[in-house]
Amino acid sequence: MIFGLIIWMIIIMIVVWLLVSNIRIVPQAHAYVVERLGGYKETWGRWITF
């Protein structure tokens, strides 16, 4: 019972870490070029749209 709870806590911590590590803040007057598999996909400006 406790072992299963520990495993679930570890999985939840990994998922939260992955979500937080993928957040990017783009400073004003800067832009990020988004590439997927080495090819241009889009440019993120001040306002990020998905």
PDB file of N, CA and C in Angstrom:
ATOM      1  N   MET A   1       0.832  -1.202   0.000  1.00  0.00           N
ATOM      2  CA  MET A   1       0.000   0.000   0.000  1.00  0.00           C
ATOM      3  C   MET A   1       0.870   1.257   0.000  1.00  0.00           C
ATOM      4  N   ILE A   2       1.814   1.330   0.928  1.00  0.00           N
ATOM      5  CA  ILE A   2       2.671   2.512   1.023  1.00  0.00           C
ATOM      6  C   ILE A   2       3.619   2.577  -0.171  1.00  0.00           C
ATOM      7  N   PHE A   3       4.090   1.403  -0.629  1.00  0.00           N
ATOM      8  CA  PHE A   3       4.997   1.382  -1.785  1.00  0.00           C
ATOM      9  C   PHE A   3       4.298   1.937  -3.021  1.00  0.00           C
ATOM     10  N   GLY A   4       3.048   1.568  -3.237  1.00  0.00           N
ATOM     11  CA  GLY A   4       2.285   2.083  -4.372  1.00  0.00           C
ATOM     12  C   GLY A   4       2.086   3.584  -4.281  1.00  0.00           C
ATOM     13  N   LEU A   5       1.853   4.092  -3.073  1.00  0.00           N
ATOM     14  CA  LEU A   5       1.679   5.530  -2.865  1.00  0.00           C
ATOM     15  C   LEU A   5       2.965   6.280  -3.184  1.00  0.00           C
ATOM     16  N   ILE A   6       4.082   5.726  -2.791  1.00  0.00           N
ATOM     17  CA  ILE A   6       5.377   6.360  -3.072  1.00  0.00           C
ATOM     18  C   ILE A   6       5.626   6.404  -4.583  1.00  0.00           C
ATOM     19  N   ILE A   7       5.305   5.324  -5.283  1.00  0.00           N
ATOM     20  CA  ILE A   7       5.481   5.280  -6.739  1.00  0.00           C
ATOM     21  C   ILE A   7       4.620   6.352  -7.398  1.00  0.00           C
ATOM     22  N   TRP A   8       3.347   6.485  -6.981  1.00  0.00           N
ATOM     23  CA  TRP A   8       2.465   7.502  -7.560  1.00  0.00           C
ATOM     24  C   TRP A   8       2.967   8.904  -7.276  1.00  0.00           C
ATOM     25  N   MET A   9       3.506   9.146  -6.083  1.00  0.00           N
ATOM     26  CA  MET A   9       4.048  10.467  -5.752  1.00  0.00           C
ATOM     27  C   MET A   9       5.240  10.791  -6.648  1.00  0.00           C
ATOM     28  N   ILE A  10       6.088   9.815  -6.909  1.00  0.00           N
ATOM     29  CA  ILE A  10       7.244  10.024  -7.780  1.00  0.00           C
ATOM     30  C   ILE A  10       6.783  10.331  -9.203  1.00  0.00           C
ATOM     31  N   ILE A  11       5.793   9.595  -9.700  1.00  0.00           N
ATOM     32  CA  ILE A  11       5.277   9.841 -11.046  1.00  0.00           C
ATOM     33  C   ILE A  11       4.687  11.236 -11.152  1.00  0.00           C
ATOM     34  N   ILE A  12       3.913  11.658 -10.153  1.00  0.00           N
ATOM     35  CA  ILE A  12       3.319  12.998 -10.160  1.00  0.00           C
ATOM     36  C   ILE A  12       4.394  14.066 -10.120  1.00  0.00           C
ATOM     37  N   MET A  13       5.444  13.864  -9.326  1.00  0.00           N
ATOM     38  CA  MET A  13       6.530  14.835  -9.258  1.00  0.00           C
ATOM     39  C   MET A  13       7.245  14.954 -10.606  1.00  0.00           C
ATOM     40  N   ILE A  14       7.445  13.842 -11.307  1.00  0.00           N
ATOM     41  CA  ILE A  14       8.096  13.876 -12.613  1.00  0.00           C
ATOM     42  C   ILE A  14       7.232  14.620 -13.622  1.00  0.00           C
ATOM     43  N   VAL A  15       5.922  14.372 -13.608  1.00  0.00           N
ATOM     44  CA  VAL A  15       5.019  15.064 -14.535  1.00  0.00           C
ATOM     45  C   VAL A  15       5.019  16.561 -14.269  1.00  0.00           C
ATOM     46  N   VAL A  16       4.950  16.966 -12.998  1.00  0.00           N
ATOM     47  CA  VAL A  16       4.968  18.394 -12.657  1.00  0.00           C
ATOM     48  C   VAL A  16       6.291  19.013 -13.087  1.00  0.00           C
ATOM     49  N   TRP A  17       7.393  18.330 -12.863  1.00  0.00           N
ATOM     50  CA  TRP A  17       8.700  18.848 -13.264  1.00  0.00           C
ATOM     51  C   TRP A  17       8.771  19.048 -14.781  1.00  0.00           C
ATOM     52  N   LEU A  18       8.242  18.086 -15.547  1.00  0.00           N
ATOM     53  CA  LEU A  18       8.246  18.218 -17.004  1.00  0.00           C
ATOM     54  C   LEU A  18       7.400  19.403 -17.454  1.00  0.00           C
ATOM     55  N   LEU A  19       6.250  19.610 -16.837  1.00  0.00           N
ATOM     56  CA  LEU A  19       5.404  20.742 -17.206  1.00  0.00           C
ATOM     57  C   LEU A  19       6.083  22.070 -16.892  1.00  0.00           C
ATOM     58  N   VAL A  20       6.662  22.181 -15.721  1.00  0.00           N
ATOM     59  CA  VAL A  20       7.304  23.439 -15.313  1.00  0.00           C
ATOM     60  C   VAL A  20       8.550  23.708 -16.159  1.00  0.00           C
ATOM     61  N   SER A  21       9.300  22.669 -16.498  1.00  0.00           N
ATOM     62  CA  SER A  21      10.535  22.884 -17.253  1.00  0.00           C
ATOM     63  C   SER A  21      10.266  23.282 -18.708  1.00  0.00           C
ATOM     64  N   ASN A  22       9.058  23.081 -19.196  1.00  0.00           N
ATOM     65  CA  ASN A  22       8.736  23.432 -20.579  1.00  0.00           C
ATOM     66  C   ASN A  22       8.079  24.792 -20.722  1.00  0.00           C
ATOM     67  N   ILE A  23       7.936  25.527 -19.639  1.00  0.00           N
ATOM     68  CA  ILE A  23       7.378  26.875 -19.705  1.00  0.00           C
ATOM     69  C   ILE A  23       8.496  27.835 -20.091  1.00  0.00           C
ATOM     70  N   ARG A  24       8.261  28.649 -21.093  1.00  0.00           N
ATOM     71  CA  ARG A  24       9.253  29.622 -21.547  1.00  0.00           C
ATOM     72  C   ARG A  24       8.663  31.015 -21.450  1.00  0.00           C
ATOM     73  N   ILE A  25       9.397  31.934 -20.873  1.00  0.00           N
ATOM     74  CA  ILE A  25       8.979  33.329 -20.799  1.00  0.00           C
ATOM     75  C   ILE A  25       9.766  34.099 -21.850  1.00  0.00           C
ATOM     76  N   VAL A  26       9.052  34.720 -22.776  1.00  0.00           N
ATOM     77  CA  VAL A  26       9.690  35.486 -23.842  1.00  0.00           C
ATOM     78  C   VAL A  26       9.702  36.950 -23.424  1.00  0.00           C
ATOM     79  N   PRO A  27      10.883  37.541 -23.207  1.00  0.00           N
ATOM     80  CA  PRO A  27      10.944  38.952 -22.821  1.00  0.00           C
ATOM     81  C   PRO A  27      10.387  39.850 -23.930  1.00  0.00           C
ATOM     82  N   GLN A  28       9.900  41.015 -23.521  1.00  0.00           N
ATOM     83  CA  GLN A  28       9.366  41.964 -24.485  1.00  0.00           C
ATOM     84  C   GLN A  28      10.471  42.372 -25.454  1.00  0.00           C
ATOM     85  N   ALA A  29      10.107  42.553 -26.719  1.00  0.00           N
ATOM     86  CA  ALA A  29      11.016  42.949 -27.801  1.00  0.00           C
ATOM     87  C   ALA A  29      11.986  41.828 -28.178  1.00  0.00           C
ATOM     88  N   HIS A  30      11.688  40.602 -27.808  1.00  0.00           N
ATOM     89  CA  HIS A  30      12.459  39.441 -28.233  1.00  0.00           C
ATOM     90  C   HIS A  30      11.510  38.450 -28.893  1.00  0.00           C
ATOM     91  N   ALA A  31      12.070  37.534 -29.634  1.00  0.00           N
ATOM     92  CA  ALA A  31      11.260  36.498 -30.267  1.00  0.00           C
ATOM     93  C   ALA A  31      12.039  35.187 -30.251  1.00  0.00           C
ATOM     94  N   TYR A  32      11.311  34.095 -30.163  1.00  0.00           N
ATOM     95  CA  TYR A  32      11.904  32.770 -30.244  1.00  0.00           C
ATOM     96  C   TYR A  32      11.466  32.115 -31.539  1.00  0.00           C
ATOM     97  N   VAL A  33      12.392  31.478 -32.205  1.00  0.00           N
ATOM     98  CA  VAL A  33      12.072  30.705 -33.399  1.00  0.00           C
ATOM     99  C   VAL A  33      11.857  29.267 -32.949  1.00  0.00           C
ATOM    100  N   VAL A  34      10.681  28.732 -33.248  1.00  0.00           N
ATOM    101  CA  VAL A  34      10.330  27.371 -32.851  1.00  0.00           C
ATOM    102  C   VAL A  34      10.613  26.439 -34.011  1.00  0.00           C
ATOM    103  N   GLU A  35      11.407  25.406 -33.744  1.00  0.00           N
ATOM    104  CA  GLU A  35      11.729  24.423 -34.767  1.00  0.00           C
ATOM    105  C   GLU A  35      11.272  23.050 -34.300  1.00  0.00           C
ATOM    106  N   ARG A  36      10.768  22.279 -35.222  1.00  0.00           N
ATOM    107  CA  ARG A  36      10.392  20.889 -34.942  1.00  0.00           C
ATOM    108  C   ARG A  36      11.150  20.003 -35.916  1.00  0.00           C
ATOM    109  N   LEU A  37      11.886  19.070 -35.388  1.00  0.00           N
ATOM    110  CA  LEU A  37      12.701  18.153 -36.195  1.00  0.00           C
ATOM    111  C   LEU A  37      13.647  18.904 -37.121  1.00  0.00           C
ATOM    112  N   GLY A  38      14.167  20.030 -36.646  1.00  0.00           N
ATOM    113  CA  GLY A  38      15.151  20.792 -37.387  1.00  0.00           C
ATOM    114  C   GLY A  38      14.596  21.741 -38.421  1.00  0.00           C
ATOM    115  N   GLY A  39      13.283  21.782 -38.577  1.00  0.00           N
ATOM    116  CA  GLY A  39      12.673  22.670 -39.565  1.00  0.00           C
ATOM    117  C   GLY A  39      11.889  23.788 -38.891  1.00  0.00           C
ATOM    118  N   TYR A  40      11.807  24.930 -39.553  1.00  0.00           N
ATOM    119  CA  TYR A  40      11.079  26.074 -39.012  1.00  0.00           C
ATOM    120  C   TYR A  40       9.601  25.745 -38.870  1.00  0.00           C
ATOM    121  N   LYS A  41       9.026  26.095 -37.701  1.00  0.00           N
ATOM    122  CA  LYS A  41       7.596  25.900 -37.497  1.00  0.00           C
ATOM    123  C   LYS A  41       6.889  27.232 -37.330  1.00  0.00           C
ATOM    124  N   GLU A  42       7.380  28.067 -36.401  1.00  0.00           N
ATOM    125  CA  GLU A  42       6.753  29.360 -36.160  1.00  0.00           C
ATOM    126  C   GLU A  42       7.687  30.234 -35.331  1.00  0.00           C
ATOM    127  N   THR A  43       7.325  31.496 -35.204  1.00  0.00           N
ATOM    128  CA  THR A  43       8.066  32.432 -34.369  1.00  0.00           C
ATOM    129  C   THR A  43       7.161  32.887 -33.241  1.00  0.00           C
ATOM    130  N   TRP A  44       7.660  32.785 -32.009  1.00  0.00           N
ATOM    131  CA  TRP A  44       6.896  33.243 -30.849  1.00  0.00           C
ATOM    132  C   TRP A  44       7.349  34.649 -30.507  1.00  0.00           C
ATOM    133  N   GLY A  45       6.430  35.556 -30.493  1.00  0.00           N
ATOM    134  CA  GLY A  45       6.727  36.923 -30.101  1.00  0.00           C
ATOM    135  C   GLY A  45       6.353  37.143 -28.643  1.00  0.00           C
ATOM    136  N   ARG A  46       5.932  38.362 -28.364  1.00  0.00           N
ATOM    137  CA  ARG A  46       5.580  38.713 -26.985  1.00  0.00           C
ATOM    138  C   ARG A  46       4.356  37.927 -26.522  1.00  0.00           C
ATOM    139  N   TRP A  47       3.385  37.743 -27.396  1.00  0.00           N
ATOM    140  CA  TRP A  47       2.174  36.998 -27.052  1.00  0.00           C
ATOM    141  C   TRP A  47       2.267  35.617 -27.683  1.00  0.00           C
ATOM    142  N   ILE A  48       2.315  34.602 -26.853  1.00  0.00           N
ATOM    143  CA  ILE A  48       2.445  33.235 -27.337  1.00  0.00           C
ATOM    144  C   ILE A  48       1.056  32.694 -27.635  1.00  0.00           C
ATOM    145  N   THR A  49       0.888  32.154 -28.842  1.00  0.00           N
ATOM    146  CA  THR A  49      -0.379  31.519 -29.204  1.00  0.00           C
ATOM    147  C   THR A  49      -0.117  30.079 -29.551  1.00  0.00           C
ATOM    148  N   PHE A  50      -1.057  29.245 -29.240  1.00  0.00           N
ATOM    149  CA  PHE A  50      -0.908  27.819 -29.516  1.00  0.00           C
ATOM    150  C   PHE A  50      -1.866  27.398 -30.592  1.00  0.00           C
TER     151      PHE A  50
END
